Amino acid sequence: MSGPQNDAGDATPFRVLIVEDDRSQAVFAEAILRGAGMQAEAVAVPERVMEAMERFDPDLVLMDLHIPGSSGTALTAQIREHPRFEHTPVVFLTGDQDPERQVEVLEHGGDDYILKPVRPRHLIAAVQSRVKRARALAASRQAPVESDRHPVTGLHTRPALMKALAAQLAQGKGGGALLVEMGNAAALRKHYGFAAFEALINDAGRYLGTLAREHITARLSDNAFMVVVRGGDRTALDSYARSLRDGVGYHDFDVEGETLRLRCTLGYTTFEHGFTDAGEVLAACEDAAREAQASPIGIAAYVPTNAVVTGDVADELRAALAPGSDRLYLAFQPVVAVAGGDDAQFQVLVRMHGPDGNVRKAAEFLPTAQAAGLMPQLDRWVMEQALMLLQKRRAESRPMRLFVSQSPSTLAQDSYVGWLLEALERYNVDPPSLVIDLRLHDAIVHVVLLHQFCEQLVPAGVQFCLSQFRRGEDAIQLLQELPLGYLRLSADFAQAPLPQDLHDEMRDVIERAHRLGLQVIGQAVEDPQAAAALWVGGIDFIQGNLVQGPDQALDFDFRSATL
């Protein structure tokens, strides 16, 4: 890429991470920087900042001074703790005209500050000059040696652990993996604040590493760690899980001068179940970890479902997935903007013709597909059909956006990300035209797996939607942990008349989502009164039979649509 930024002869695009909770401000900065030939990415919540730093590896951070749940100065201190980003420039965005406040910003690790509102030319010049100097300094220093250890906790990095896990599976020497989740994460973060919570979890990770001894251990998410154990059967793993649970549970941690004990739950699996890749192991551990949360002892072992499922529906689905079959097909339902617009976007729904000619809806065969281990094959079929359609529409200069549901059992496959990225390129699909739907229940159970999957696809431009959403502690936490672009509400909110408690919950959810920069979809809308309630609540899009039922045709007139 060439552009204004490269007058110093550096052909690599400048990378800028924008930490800004105001969506309009973030979009403005992204547009200006990209227009100047730079790569820009925005983060709205503090929990995503370090993940974005490690993945995006920015040349510079544009940091809003006031971030809900944290602050720009606290996040800067956290960035500086990581040796890899010790010298990464942090430029604060602030509307505070007080010179003393501006000096204070610089004293807390900032390299510069820009007063809001900022002019485009000023923003571009400030970023370019800082990045050029930073790159020059980096070139003068010896390049750091990549490490497979986290610089703060001393644990293995997640990529190092997943690589070791894949190698151990390939060797087939037994053993297993344990997913350790520190309890009450949301309550602890709310009580102590983001910075103190992060310090606590880092302390817990360091201590867990001492308990794990020679076994590879890594932090996988906000409050979850994985331990890969070499050798041992289920009995040995169960005993080991108890030792980790008790070791963490009886240890005193210090949080801002207070003594605290952490309750942890553990889900584990042996490698005897025929896992083919690390993603499948992670999915199994997450299934077990969910069971562990409901267990009085806080420990559960993975129990595989019966892979051999027989019956009429399973046999029909196997026949439909066979090469040359035409029993499966896609239907589409419009997702319409309440404020109007002509952007075409549809929810993709899969249907199956039975041998008797009757049409089966997805709800009639997806549970069987999951139980029979057919979901990965079905999901790939649906995704490929969707990508072929997007390619066709783009070639006809009639672009559209498709929302495509995918299951955790599919996303768990190590090969799936590579297949999808290759398919996007093969079909010449613009990645933002694809939105992958993640069901709330699946996401709660498999949050670590989904976080890892999203990390790999967000840089490519693929978007994500959390669907069937109802408010709850785990659900609210997911809004901050997953890099979402859309939120689809549960059909419960499409009742008419809508009970007052659901009306209050709906407004709270929509307001939360909008603060995080998400667009909200109301689904299963059948009644004008329900549509009106959603509209008053601030919904962005409406989907349901009130607008149009599922259809194989894609001729809906979005420009003339009225609600």
Protein backbone atom coordinates (compact mmCIF):
# COMPACT_ATOMS: atom_id res chain seq x y z
CA MET A 1 0.00 0.00 0.00
CA SER A 2 1.22 3.47 -0.79
CA GLY A 3 -0.07 6.79 0.43
CA PRO A 4 0.75 9.98 2.29
CA GLN A 5 2.21 8.12 5.23
CA ASN A 6 5.09 6.66 3.26
CA ASP A 7 7.09 9.75 2.36
CA ALA A 8 9.88 8.46 4.59
CA GLY A 9 10.30 5.38 2.43
CA ASP A 10 8.61 2.88 4.79
CA ALA A 11 6.24 0.82 2.64
CA THR A 12 4.59 -0.95 5.58
CA PRO A 13 1.25 0.73 6.47
CA PHE A 14 1.15 2.47 9.84
CA ARG A 15 -1.06 0.58 12.31
CA VAL A 16 -3.13 2.63 14.76
CA LEU A 17 -5.27 1.22 17.58
CA ILE A 18 -8.10 3.58 18.58
CA VAL A 19 -9.38 3.13 22.15
CA GLU A 20 -12.64 5.08 22.15
CA ASP A 21 -16.06 4.21 23.61
CA ASP A 22 -17.90 6.82 21.51
CA ARG A 23 -18.74 4.99 18.28
CA SER A 24 -19.08 8.16 16.19
CA GLN A 25 -15.66 9.42 17.34
CA ALA A 26 -14.08 6.03 16.66
CA VAL A 27 -15.60 5.78 13.17
CA PHE A 28 -14.45 9.33 12.41
CA ALA A 29 -10.84 8.60 13.44
CA GLU A 30 -10.80 5.27 11.57
CA ALA A 31 -12.06 6.89 8.38
CA ILE A 32 -9.52 9.72 8.52
CA LEU A 33 -6.55 7.44 9.17
CA ARG A 34 -7.55 4.85 6.58
CA GLY A 35 -8.02 7.63 4.06
CA ALA A 36 -4.38 8.55 4.70
CA GLY A 37 -3.24 5.01 3.86
CA MET A 38 -3.00 3.67 7.41
CA GLN A 39 -4.48 0.58 9.02
CA ALA A 40 -6.80 1.44 11.91
CA GLU A 41 -8.79 -0.63 14.38
CA ALA A 42 -11.11 0.59 17.15
CA VAL A 43 -11.70 -0.91 20.61
CA ALA A 44 -14.60 0.30 22.76
CA VAL A 45 -14.11 -1.52 26.08
CA PRO A 46 -11.01 -1.89 28.30
CA GLU A 47 -11.21 -5.69 28.45
CA ARG A 48 -10.34 -5.92 24.75
CA VAL A 49 -7.37 -3.56 24.72
CA MET A 50 -4.54 -5.99 25.53
CA GLU A 51 -5.92 -8.68 23.22
CA ALA A 52 -6.04 -6.11 20.43
CA MET A 53 -2.51 -4.93 21.24
CA GLU A 54 -1.10 -8.45 20.98
CA ARG A 55 -3.03 -9.31 17.82
CA PHE A 56 -2.88 -6.00 15.92
CA ASP A 57 0.60 -4.95 17.15
CA PRO A 58 -0.03 -1.22 16.59
CA ASP A 59 2.60 1.40 15.87
CA LEU A 60 0.59 3.89 17.95
CA VAL A 61 -2.40 3.95 20.30
CA LEU A 62 -4.96 6.76 20.18
CA MET A 63 -6.36 6.64 23.72
CA ASP A 64 -9.53 8.33 24.91
CA LEU A 65 -8.90 9.76 28.36
CA HIS A 66 -12.26 8.69 29.79
CA ILE A 67 -13.18 5.01 29.29
CA PRO A 68 -16.21 3.49 31.13
CA GLY A 69 -14.99 0.92 33.64
CA SER A 70 -11.39 2.16 33.53
CA SER A 71 -9.43 5.20 32.36
CA GLY A 72 -6.96 6.04 29.64
CA THR A 73 -4.14 6.41 32.13
CA ALA A 74 -4.86 3.02 33.76
CA LEU A 75 -4.92 1.30 30.38
CA THR A 76 -1.68 3.03 29.40
CA ALA A 77 -0.01 1.73 32.57
CA GLN A 78 -1.19 -1.78 31.68
CA ILE A 79 0.20 -1.44 28.15
CA ARG A 80 3.55 -0.25 29.50
CA GLU A 81 3.80 -3.35 31.75
CA HIS A 82 4.12 -5.49 28.62
CA PRO A 83 7.76 -5.32 27.42
CA ARG A 84 6.66 -5.68 23.82
CA PHE A 85 4.75 -2.38 24.04
CA GLU A 86 7.03 -0.51 26.41
CA HIS A 87 7.95 1.98 23.68
CA THR A 88 4.66 2.05 21.74
CA PRO A 89 3.51 5.69 21.52
CA VAL A 90 0.23 6.47 23.32
CA VAL A 91 -1.46 9.69 22.23
CA PHE A 92 -4.39 10.83 24.38
CA LEU A 93 -7.59 12.28 22.98
CA THR A 94 -9.09 14.76 25.45
CA GLY A 95 -11.54 17.62 25.50
CA ASP A 96 -10.06 18.98 28.72
CA GLN A 97 -8.56 22.44 28.09
CA ASP A 98 -6.88 22.64 31.52
CA PRO A 99 -3.05 22.77 31.05
CA GLU A 100 -2.53 21.08 34.42
CA ARG A 101 -4.70 18.18 33.34
CA GLN A 102 -2.74 17.90 30.11
CA VAL A 103 0.55 17.77 32.05
CA GLU A 104 -0.94 15.09 34.30
CA VAL A 105 -1.82 13.03 31.22
CA LEU A 106 1.80 13.10 30.07
CA GLU A 107 3.03 12.20 33.56
CA HIS A 108 0.93 9.03 33.42
CA GLY A 109 2.72 7.55 30.41
CA GLY A 110 1.21 9.43 27.49
CA ASP A 111 3.52 10.62 24.73
CA ASP A 112 1.28 13.40 23.49
CA TYR A 113 -2.29 14.63 23.60
CA ILE A 114 -4.75 15.91 21.01
CA LEU A 115 -7.60 18.20 21.97
CA LYS A 116 -11.10 17.30 20.81
CA PRO A 117 -12.60 18.16 18.40
CA VAL A 118 -9.63 17.34 16.20
CA ARG A 119 -9.15 18.44 12.61
CA PRO A 120 -8.36 15.63 10.14
CA ARG A 121 -5.06 17.17 8.99
CA HIS A 122 -3.93 17.62 12.61
CA LEU A 123 -4.82 14.02 13.46
CA ILE A 124 -2.96 12.65 10.44
CA ALA A 125 0.13 14.80 11.07
CA ALA A 126 0.28 13.94 14.78
CA VAL A 127 0.00 10.22 14.11
CA GLN A 128 2.47 10.19 11.23
CA SER A 129 5.18 12.09 13.09
CA ARG A 130 4.90 9.90 16.18
CA VAL A 131 4.92 6.63 14.25
CA LYS A 132 7.90 7.65 12.12
CA ARG A 133 9.92 8.47 15.22
CA ALA A 134 8.85 5.26 16.96
CA ARG A 135 9.82 3.14 13.96
CA ALA A 136 13.17 4.86 13.70
CA LEU A 137 13.87 4.18 17.37
CA ALA A 138 12.75 0.57 17.03
CA ALA A 139 15.08 0.08 14.08
CA SER A 140 17.98 1.38 16.14
CA ARG A 141 17.32 -1.13 18.89
CA GLN A 142 18.01 -4.82 18.56
CA ALA A 143 14.86 -6.66 17.57
CA PRO A 144 13.38 -8.48 20.59
CA VAL A 145 13.40 -12.25 20.62
CA GLU A 146 9.93 -13.74 20.45
CA SER A 147 9.06 -15.53 23.67
CA ASP A 148 6.55 -18.24 24.37
CA ARG A 149 6.11 -16.89 27.91
CA HIS A 150 3.83 -14.12 29.10
CA PRO A 151 6.02 -11.30 30.46
CA VAL A 152 3.83 -10.59 33.51
CA THR A 153 2.73 -14.03 34.74
CA GLY A 154 5.54 -16.18 33.38
CA LEU A 155 2.94 -18.63 32.04
CA HIS A 156 3.05 -19.88 28.48
CA THR A 157 1.31 -17.75 25.87
CA ARG A 158 -1.90 -19.04 24.41
CA PRO A 159 -0.36 -19.78 20.97
CA ALA A 160 2.46 -21.72 22.66
CA LEU A 161 -0.03 -23.78 24.67
CA MET A 162 -2.24 -24.57 21.67
CA LYS A 163 0.83 -25.60 19.68
CA ALA A 164 2.00 -27.88 22.49
CA LEU A 165 -1.50 -29.32 22.81
CA ALA A 166 -1.66 -30.12 19.09
CA ALA A 167 1.78 -31.76 19.26
CA GLN A 168 0.76 -33.92 22.22
CA LEU A 169 -2.39 -35.07 20.42
CA ALA A 170 -0.31 -36.00 17.39
CA GLN A 171 2.03 -38.09 19.54
CA GLY A 172 -0.90 -39.99 21.05
CA LYS A 173 0.79 -40.51 24.41
CA GLY A 174 -2.25 -39.95 26.61
CA GLY A 175 -2.78 -37.25 29.16
CA GLY A 176 -5.43 -34.57 29.14
CA ALA A 177 -6.31 -30.91 29.56
CA LEU A 178 -8.03 -28.89 32.29
CA LEU A 179 -9.86 -25.59 31.96
CA VAL A 180 -9.61 -23.62 35.20
CA GLU A 181 -12.09 -20.75 35.66
CA MET A 182 -11.76 -18.23 38.47
CA GLY A 183 -15.23 -17.57 39.90
CA ASN A 184 -17.20 -14.33 40.38
CA ALA A 185 -15.20 -12.49 37.73
CA ALA A 186 -17.92 -9.96 36.90
CA ALA A 187 -18.59 -9.16 40.56
CA LEU A 188 -14.88 -8.81 41.36
CA ARG A 189 -14.28 -6.51 38.40
CA LYS A 190 -17.25 -4.36 39.36
CA HIS A 191 -16.15 -4.16 43.01
CA TYR A 192 -12.41 -3.54 42.55
CA GLY A 193 -12.27 -1.99 39.09
CA PHE A 194 -10.56 -3.19 35.94
CA ALA A 195 -6.93 -2.54 36.91
CA ALA A 196 -7.16 -4.23 40.32
CA PHE A 197 -9.08 -7.17 38.87
CA GLU A 198 -6.45 -7.63 36.17
CA ALA A 199 -3.69 -7.60 38.80
CA LEU A 200 -5.62 -10.20 40.83
CA ILE A 201 -6.05 -12.56 37.88
CA ASN A 202 -2.38 -12.19 37.00
CA ASP A 203 -1.51 -13.15 40.59
CA ALA A 204 -3.86 -16.12 40.37
CA GLY A 205 -2.21 -17.17 37.12
CA ARG A 206 1.26 -17.00 38.60
CA TYR A 207 0.17 -19.10 41.57
CA LEU A 208 -1.64 -21.61 39.35
CA GLY A 209 1.60 -21.97 37.40
CA THR A 210 3.45 -22.98 40.58
CA LEU A 211 0.75 -25.57 41.32
CA ALA A 212 0.82 -26.93 37.77
CA ARG A 213 4.60 -27.42 38.03
CA GLU A 214 5.98 -28.95 34.84
CA HIS A 215 2.68 -28.97 32.98
CA ILE A 216 2.14 -26.25 30.36
CA THR A 217 -0.25 -23.56 31.59
CA ALA A 218 -1.63 -20.45 29.84
CA ARG A 219 -4.28 -17.82 30.36
CA LEU A 220 -6.97 -18.20 27.72
CA SER A 221 -9.41 -15.41 28.53
CA ASP A 222 -10.56 -12.89 31.08
CA ASN A 223 -10.68 -15.40 33.96
CA ALA A 224 -9.87 -18.80 32.41
CA PHE A 225 -6.63 -20.79 32.26
CA MET A 226 -5.75 -24.11 30.64
CA VAL A 227 -3.33 -26.74 31.87
CA VAL A 228 -2.10 -29.45 29.47
CA VAL A 229 -1.08 -32.59 31.35
CA ARG A 230 1.36 -35.13 29.97
CA GLY A 231 0.29 -38.68 30.75
CA GLY A 232 -2.26 -39.94 33.25
CA ASP A 233 -5.72 -41.48 33.02
CA ARG A 234 -9.07 -40.09 34.16
CA THR A 235 -8.49 -41.05 37.78
CA ALA A 236 -5.17 -39.24 37.82
CA LEU A 237 -6.66 -36.18 36.12
CA ASP A 238 -9.53 -36.04 38.59
CA SER A 239 -7.10 -36.13 41.50
CA TYR A 240 -4.97 -33.47 39.84
CA ALA A 241 -8.03 -31.27 39.29
CA ARG A 242 -8.87 -31.48 42.99
CA SER A 243 -5.34 -30.48 43.92
CA LEU A 244 -5.53 -27.39 41.68
CA ARG A 245 -8.98 -26.46 42.99
CA ASP A 246 -7.89 -26.72 46.61
CA GLY A 247 -4.53 -25.11 45.97
CA VAL A 248 -6.15 -22.00 44.52
CA GLY A 249 -9.11 -22.03 46.91
CA TYR A 250 -7.02 -22.03 50.09
CA HIS A 251 -4.50 -19.44 48.96
CA ASP A 252 -4.72 -15.86 50.22
CA PHE A 253 -4.54 -13.21 47.48
CA ASP A 254 -4.00 -9.53 48.16
CA VAL A 255 -6.23 -7.01 46.39
CA GLU A 256 -5.56 -3.37 47.25
CA GLY A 257 -4.65 -4.28 50.81
CA GLU A 258 -7.53 -6.73 51.26
CA THR A 259 -7.10 -10.48 51.66
CA LEU A 260 -9.22 -12.51 49.26
CA ARG A 261 -9.73 -16.16 48.41
CA LEU A 262 -10.81 -17.29 44.95
CA ARG A 263 -13.17 -20.12 44.18
CA CYS A 264 -12.32 -21.87 40.94
CA THR A 265 -14.14 -24.51 38.90
CA LEU A 266 -12.46 -27.05 36.61
CA GLY A 267 -13.62 -28.92 33.56
CA TYR A 268 -11.26 -31.53 32.16
CA THR A 269 -10.94 -34.20 29.52
CA THR A 270 -8.56 -37.03 28.80
CA PHE A 271 -7.22 -37.49 25.28
CA GLU A 272 -8.80 -40.91 24.92
CA HIS A 273 -11.85 -39.58 23.03
CA GLY A 274 -10.20 -39.43 19.62
CA PHE A 275 -9.78 -35.66 19.35
CA THR A 276 -8.29 -34.66 16.02
CA ASP A 277 -7.13 -31.15 16.91
CA ALA A 278 -6.62 -28.68 19.75
CA GLY A 279 -9.90 -26.88 19.06
CA GLU A 280 -11.89 -30.03 19.80
CA VAL A 281 -10.07 -30.42 23.13
CA LEU A 282 -10.86 -26.84 24.06
CA ALA A 283 -14.53 -27.33 23.18
CA ALA A 284 -14.67 -30.50 25.30
CA CYS A 285 -13.08 -28.72 28.28
CA GLU A 286 -15.59 -25.89 27.97
CA ASP A 287 -18.49 -28.37 27.95
CA ALA A 288 -17.08 -29.93 31.11
CA ALA A 289 -16.39 -26.53 32.71
CA ARG A 290 -20.05 -25.59 32.28
CA GLU A 291 -21.05 -28.76 34.09
CA ALA A 292 -18.48 -28.00 36.78
CA GLN A 293 -20.11 -24.63 37.53
CA ALA A 294 -23.31 -26.46 38.49
CA SER A 295 -21.50 -29.17 40.43
CA PRO A 296 -21.22 -28.95 44.24
CA ILE A 297 -17.54 -29.91 44.05
CA GLY A 298 -16.77 -27.54 41.17
CA ILE A 299 -15.17 -30.28 39.01
CA ALA A 300 -16.53 -32.19 36.02
CA ALA A 301 -15.11 -34.51 33.39
CA TYR A 302 -16.04 -34.34 29.71
CA VAL A 303 -18.58 -36.97 28.67
CA PRO A 304 -18.84 -37.31 24.87
CA THR A 305 -22.23 -37.59 23.22
CA ASN A 306 -23.07 -40.72 21.31
CA ALA A 307 -21.51 -40.20 17.89
CA VAL A 308 -23.63 -42.91 16.25
CA VAL A 309 -27.17 -41.58 16.04
CA THR A 310 -29.75 -43.45 14.04
CA GLY A 311 -33.31 -42.63 13.15
CA ASP A 312 -35.29 -41.23 10.26
CA VAL A 313 -34.15 -37.61 10.65
CA ALA A 314 -30.46 -38.52 10.99
CA ASP A 315 -30.65 -40.77 7.93
CA GLU A 316 -32.47 -38.06 5.96
CA LEU A 317 -29.77 -35.54 6.86
CA ARG A 318 -26.93 -37.87 5.90
CA ALA A 319 -28.62 -38.43 2.53
CA ALA A 320 -29.16 -34.69 2.07
CA LEU A 321 -25.46 -34.00 2.72
CA ALA A 322 -24.32 -36.64 0.23
CA PRO A 323 -22.69 -35.31 -2.98
CA GLY A 324 -25.23 -34.64 -5.72
CA SER A 325 -28.20 -34.35 -3.36
CA ASP A 326 -30.55 -31.38 -3.75
CA ARG A 327 -32.56 -31.89 -0.57
CA LEU A 328 -30.95 -29.02 1.32
CA TYR A 329 -31.63 -25.42 0.35
CA LEU A 330 -31.42 -21.93 1.81
CA ALA A 331 -34.19 -19.50 2.65
CA PHE A 332 -33.71 -15.84 3.46
CA GLN A 333 -35.45 -13.32 5.71
CA PRO A 334 -34.84 -9.57 5.36
CA VAL A 335 -33.22 -7.62 8.19
CA VAL A 336 -34.63 -4.10 7.72
CA ALA A 337 -33.32 -0.84 9.17
CA VAL A 338 -36.02 1.01 11.12
CA ALA A 339 -34.50 4.33 10.06
CA GLY A 340 -34.75 3.37 6.41
CA GLY A 341 -32.04 2.62 3.90
CA ASP A 342 -31.40 0.52 0.83
CA ASP A 343 -28.68 -1.81 2.17
CA ALA A 344 -29.73 -5.39 1.43
CA GLN A 345 -29.19 -7.82 4.28
CA PHE A 346 -30.74 -11.18 5.05
CA GLN A 347 -30.72 -13.88 7.71
CA VAL A 348 -29.77 -17.24 6.16
CA LEU A 349 -32.02 -20.16 7.14
CA VAL A 350 -31.44 -23.77 6.11
CA ARG A 351 -34.27 -26.08 5.03
CA MET A 352 -34.41 -29.76 4.09
CA HIS A 353 -36.79 -31.65 1.82
CA GLY A 354 -37.84 -34.94 3.40
CA PRO A 355 -38.32 -38.11 1.33
CA ASP A 356 -42.07 -37.53 1.52
CA GLY A 357 -41.70 -34.09 -0.05
CA ASN A 358 -42.39 -32.20 3.16
CA VAL A 359 -40.06 -29.37 4.13
CA ARG A 360 -38.28 -29.61 7.47
CA LYS A 361 -37.30 -26.36 9.19
CA ALA A 362 -33.91 -26.10 10.88
CA ALA A 363 -35.34 -26.58 14.38
CA GLU A 364 -36.60 -30.01 13.29
CA PHE A 365 -33.20 -31.42 12.33
CA LEU A 366 -30.42 -29.31 13.91
CA PRO A 367 -30.59 -31.10 17.31
CA THR A 368 -30.21 -34.41 15.47
CA ALA A 369 -27.35 -33.01 13.41
CA GLN A 370 -25.57 -31.95 16.60
CA ALA A 371 -26.10 -35.32 18.30
CA ALA A 372 -24.96 -37.21 15.21
CA GLY A 373 -21.80 -35.16 14.76
CA LEU A 374 -23.03 -33.75 11.44
CA MET A 375 -23.01 -30.04 12.36
CA PRO A 376 -19.52 -29.27 10.96
CA GLN A 377 -20.47 -30.80 7.62
CA LEU A 378 -23.82 -28.99 7.57
CA ASP A 379 -22.32 -25.67 8.64
CA ARG A 380 -19.70 -25.82 5.88
CA TRP A 381 -22.39 -26.57 3.33
CA VAL A 382 -24.45 -23.58 4.46
CA MET A 383 -21.41 -21.28 4.58
CA GLU A 384 -20.21 -22.28 1.12
CA GLN A 385 -23.66 -21.71 -0.37
CA ALA A 386 -23.77 -18.28 1.29
CA LEU A 387 -20.32 -17.32 -0.04
CA MET A 388 -21.23 -18.44 -3.56
CA LEU A 389 -24.30 -16.23 -3.38
CA LEU A 390 -22.32 -13.25 -2.12
CA GLN A 391 -19.87 -13.72 -5.00
CA LYS A 392 -22.73 -13.78 -7.52
CA ARG A 393 -24.37 -10.65 -6.12
CA ARG A 394 -21.07 -8.77 -6.03
CA ALA A 395 -20.40 -9.66 -9.67
CA GLU A 396 -23.87 -8.29 -10.51
CA SER A 397 -23.08 -5.05 -8.60
CA ARG A 398 -25.88 -5.88 -6.15
CA PRO A 399 -23.94 -6.39 -2.91
CA MET A 400 -25.67 -7.58 0.24
CA ARG A 401 -24.91 -8.74 3.76
CA LEU A 402 -25.74 -12.24 5.02
CA PHE A 403 -26.12 -13.37 8.63
CA VAL A 404 -25.02 -17.03 8.80
CA SER A 405 -25.33 -19.18 11.94
CA GLN A 406 -22.45 -21.49 12.86
CA SER A 407 -22.12 -23.94 15.76
CA PRO A 408 -19.26 -24.30 18.27
CA SER A 409 -18.56 -27.85 17.09
CA THR A 410 -17.73 -26.37 13.69
CA LEU A 411 -15.69 -23.44 14.98
CA ALA A 412 -13.73 -25.81 17.24
CA GLN A 413 -12.08 -27.45 14.26
CA ASP A 414 -8.53 -26.16 13.81
CA SER A 415 -8.94 -26.36 10.03
CA TYR A 416 -12.11 -24.29 9.85
CA VAL A 417 -10.59 -20.82 10.11
CA GLY A 418 -8.11 -21.57 7.35
CA TRP A 419 -10.87 -23.05 5.19
CA LEU A 420 -13.10 -20.01 5.68
CA LEU A 421 -10.34 -17.48 4.97
CA GLU A 422 -9.40 -19.41 1.82
CA ALA A 423 -13.06 -19.58 0.76
CA LEU A 424 -13.51 -15.82 1.24
CA GLU A 425 -10.56 -15.25 -1.09
CA ARG A 426 -11.62 -17.93 -3.56
CA TYR A 427 -15.10 -16.49 -3.93
CA ASN A 428 -13.78 -12.92 -3.88
CA VAL A 429 -16.15 -12.01 -1.06
CA ASP A 430 -15.89 -8.68 0.73
CA PRO A 431 -15.52 -9.94 4.36
CA PRO A 432 -17.79 -7.27 5.96
CA SER A 433 -20.66 -8.70 3.89
CA LEU A 434 -20.49 -11.83 6.07
CA VAL A 435 -21.81 -11.80 9.64
CA ILE A 436 -21.41 -15.01 11.63
CA ASP A 437 -24.25 -15.63 14.07
CA LEU A 438 -23.33 -17.04 17.48
CA ARG A 439 -26.20 -18.24 19.66
CA LEU A 440 -26.17 -16.90 23.23
CA HIS A 441 -26.33 -20.30 24.93
CA ASP A 442 -23.48 -21.65 22.79
CA ALA A 443 -21.41 -18.52 23.40
CA ILE A 444 -21.81 -18.71 27.18
CA VAL A 445 -20.63 -22.31 27.22
CA HIS A 446 -17.83 -21.85 24.68
CA VAL A 447 -16.69 -18.28 25.31
CA VAL A 448 -12.96 -19.15 25.29
CA LEU A 449 -13.26 -21.07 22.03
CA LEU A 450 -15.31 -18.32 20.37
CA HIS A 451 -12.95 -15.62 21.57
CA GLN A 452 -10.06 -17.46 19.91
CA PHE A 453 -12.06 -17.98 16.71
CA CYS A 454 -13.12 -14.33 16.51
CA GLU A 455 -9.53 -13.16 17.08
CA GLN A 456 -8.48 -14.87 13.86
CA LEU A 457 -11.33 -13.59 11.68
CA VAL A 458 -11.85 -10.01 12.88
CA PRO A 459 -8.59 -8.82 11.22
CA ALA A 460 -9.97 -10.19 7.93
CA GLY A 461 -13.10 -8.04 8.29
CA VAL A 462 -15.63 -10.75 9.17
CA GLN A 463 -18.28 -9.50 11.62
CA PHE A 464 -20.11 -11.29 14.43
CA CYS A 465 -23.62 -11.23 15.86
CA LEU A 466 -24.71 -12.61 19.24
CA SER A 467 -28.25 -13.92 18.81
CA GLN A 468 -31.19 -15.01 21.00
CA PHE A 469 -30.03 -12.49 23.60
CA ARG A 470 -31.57 -12.17 27.07
CA ARG A 471 -30.03 -10.18 29.90
CA GLY A 472 -28.01 -12.06 32.52
CA GLU A 473 -24.63 -11.78 34.21
CA ASP A 474 -22.92 -14.13 31.75
CA ALA A 475 -24.71 -12.56 28.79
CA ILE A 476 -23.74 -9.00 29.73
CA GLN A 477 -20.13 -10.09 30.18
CA LEU A 478 -20.13 -11.59 26.68
CA LEU A 479 -20.96 -8.20 25.20
CA GLN A 480 -17.60 -6.98 26.45
CA GLU A 481 -15.55 -10.11 25.81
CA LEU A 482 -16.49 -10.89 22.19
CA PRO A 483 -15.69 -8.53 19.29
CA LEU A 484 -19.30 -8.15 18.18
CA GLY A 485 -20.87 -5.86 15.63
CA TYR A 486 -24.51 -6.90 16.07
CA LEU A 487 -26.86 -8.15 18.76
CA ARG A 488 -30.07 -10.04 17.93
CA LEU A 489 -32.64 -10.02 20.72
CA SER A 490 -34.55 -13.07 21.90
CA ALA A 491 -37.98 -13.61 20.37
CA ASP A 492 -39.34 -13.03 23.91
CA PHE A 493 -39.12 -9.30 23.21
CA ALA A 494 -41.48 -9.59 20.21
CA GLN A 495 -44.55 -10.30 22.35
CA ALA A 496 -47.54 -8.05 21.95
CA PRO A 497 -48.37 -6.55 24.34
CA LEU A 498 -44.89 -6.65 25.87
CA PRO A 499 -44.94 -7.13 29.67
CA GLN A 500 -43.41 -4.24 31.61
CA ASP A 501 -40.51 -6.28 33.00
CA LEU A 502 -39.51 -7.36 29.49
CA HIS A 503 -39.94 -3.81 28.21
CA ASP A 504 -37.54 -2.53 30.88
CA GLU A 505 -35.06 -5.31 30.14
CA MET A 506 -35.26 -4.61 26.41
CA ARG A 507 -34.48 -0.92 26.84
CA ASP A 508 -31.58 -1.69 29.17
CA VAL A 509 -30.10 -4.22 26.73
CA ILE A 510 -30.43 -1.87 23.75
CA GLU A 511 -28.83 1.01 25.68
CA ARG A 512 -25.93 -1.24 26.79
CA ALA A 513 -25.40 -2.49 23.26
CA HIS A 514 -25.40 1.02 21.80
CA ARG A 515 -22.84 2.17 24.37
CA LEU A 516 -20.58 -0.61 23.08
CA GLY A 517 -21.15 0.42 19.47
CA LEU A 518 -23.34 -2.58 18.60
CA GLN A 519 -26.37 -2.51 16.31
CA VAL A 520 -29.43 -4.32 17.64
CA ILE A 521 -31.86 -6.53 15.73
CA GLY A 522 -35.39 -7.36 16.89
CA GLN A 523 -36.38 -10.78 15.55
CA ALA A 524 -39.58 -12.85 15.19
CA VAL A 525 -41.66 -9.68 14.89
CA GLU A 526 -45.18 -10.64 13.83
CA ASP A 527 -47.27 -7.77 15.14
CA PRO A 528 -47.24 -3.98 14.49
CA GLN A 529 -47.60 -3.35 18.22
CA ALA A 530 -44.45 -5.40 18.90
CA ALA A 531 -42.59 -3.50 16.17
CA ALA A 532 -43.69 -0.21 17.69
CA ALA A 533 -42.44 -1.23 21.15
CA LEU A 534 -39.06 -2.20 19.70
CA TRP A 535 -38.87 1.04 17.74
CA VAL A 536 -39.60 3.13 20.83
CA GLY A 537 -36.94 1.11 22.68
CA GLY A 538 -34.29 2.22 20.17
CA ILE A 539 -33.93 -0.89 18.01
CA ASP A 540 -31.83 -0.58 14.83
CA PHE A 541 -33.25 -3.41 12.69
CA ILE A 542 -36.47 -5.43 12.50
CA GLN A 543 -36.70 -9.05 11.31
CA GLY A 544 -39.83 -11.16 11.17
CA ASN A 545 -42.95 -12.12 9.27
CA LEU A 546 -44.37 -8.62 9.80
CA VAL A 547 -41.77 -7.49 7.26
CA GLN A 548 -41.55 -10.68 5.19
CA GLY A 549 -41.42 -14.39 5.91
CA PRO A 550 -38.47 -16.60 4.90
CA ASP A 551 -38.26 -17.02 1.13
CA GLN A 552 -35.83 -18.41 -1.42
CA ALA A 553 -36.07 -15.18 -3.43
CA LEU A 554 -33.82 -12.20 -2.73
CA ASP A 555 -35.99 -9.53 -4.34
CA PHE A 556 -37.12 -7.68 -1.22
CA ASP A 557 -37.32 -3.92 -1.83
CA PHE A 558 -35.30 -2.44 1.05
CA ARG A 559 -35.54 1.08 -0.37
CA SER A 560 -39.34 1.11 -0.14
CA ALA A 561 -39.66 -0.88 3.09
CA THR A 562 -41.75 0.85 5.76
CA LEU A 563 -42.37 -0.33 9.30
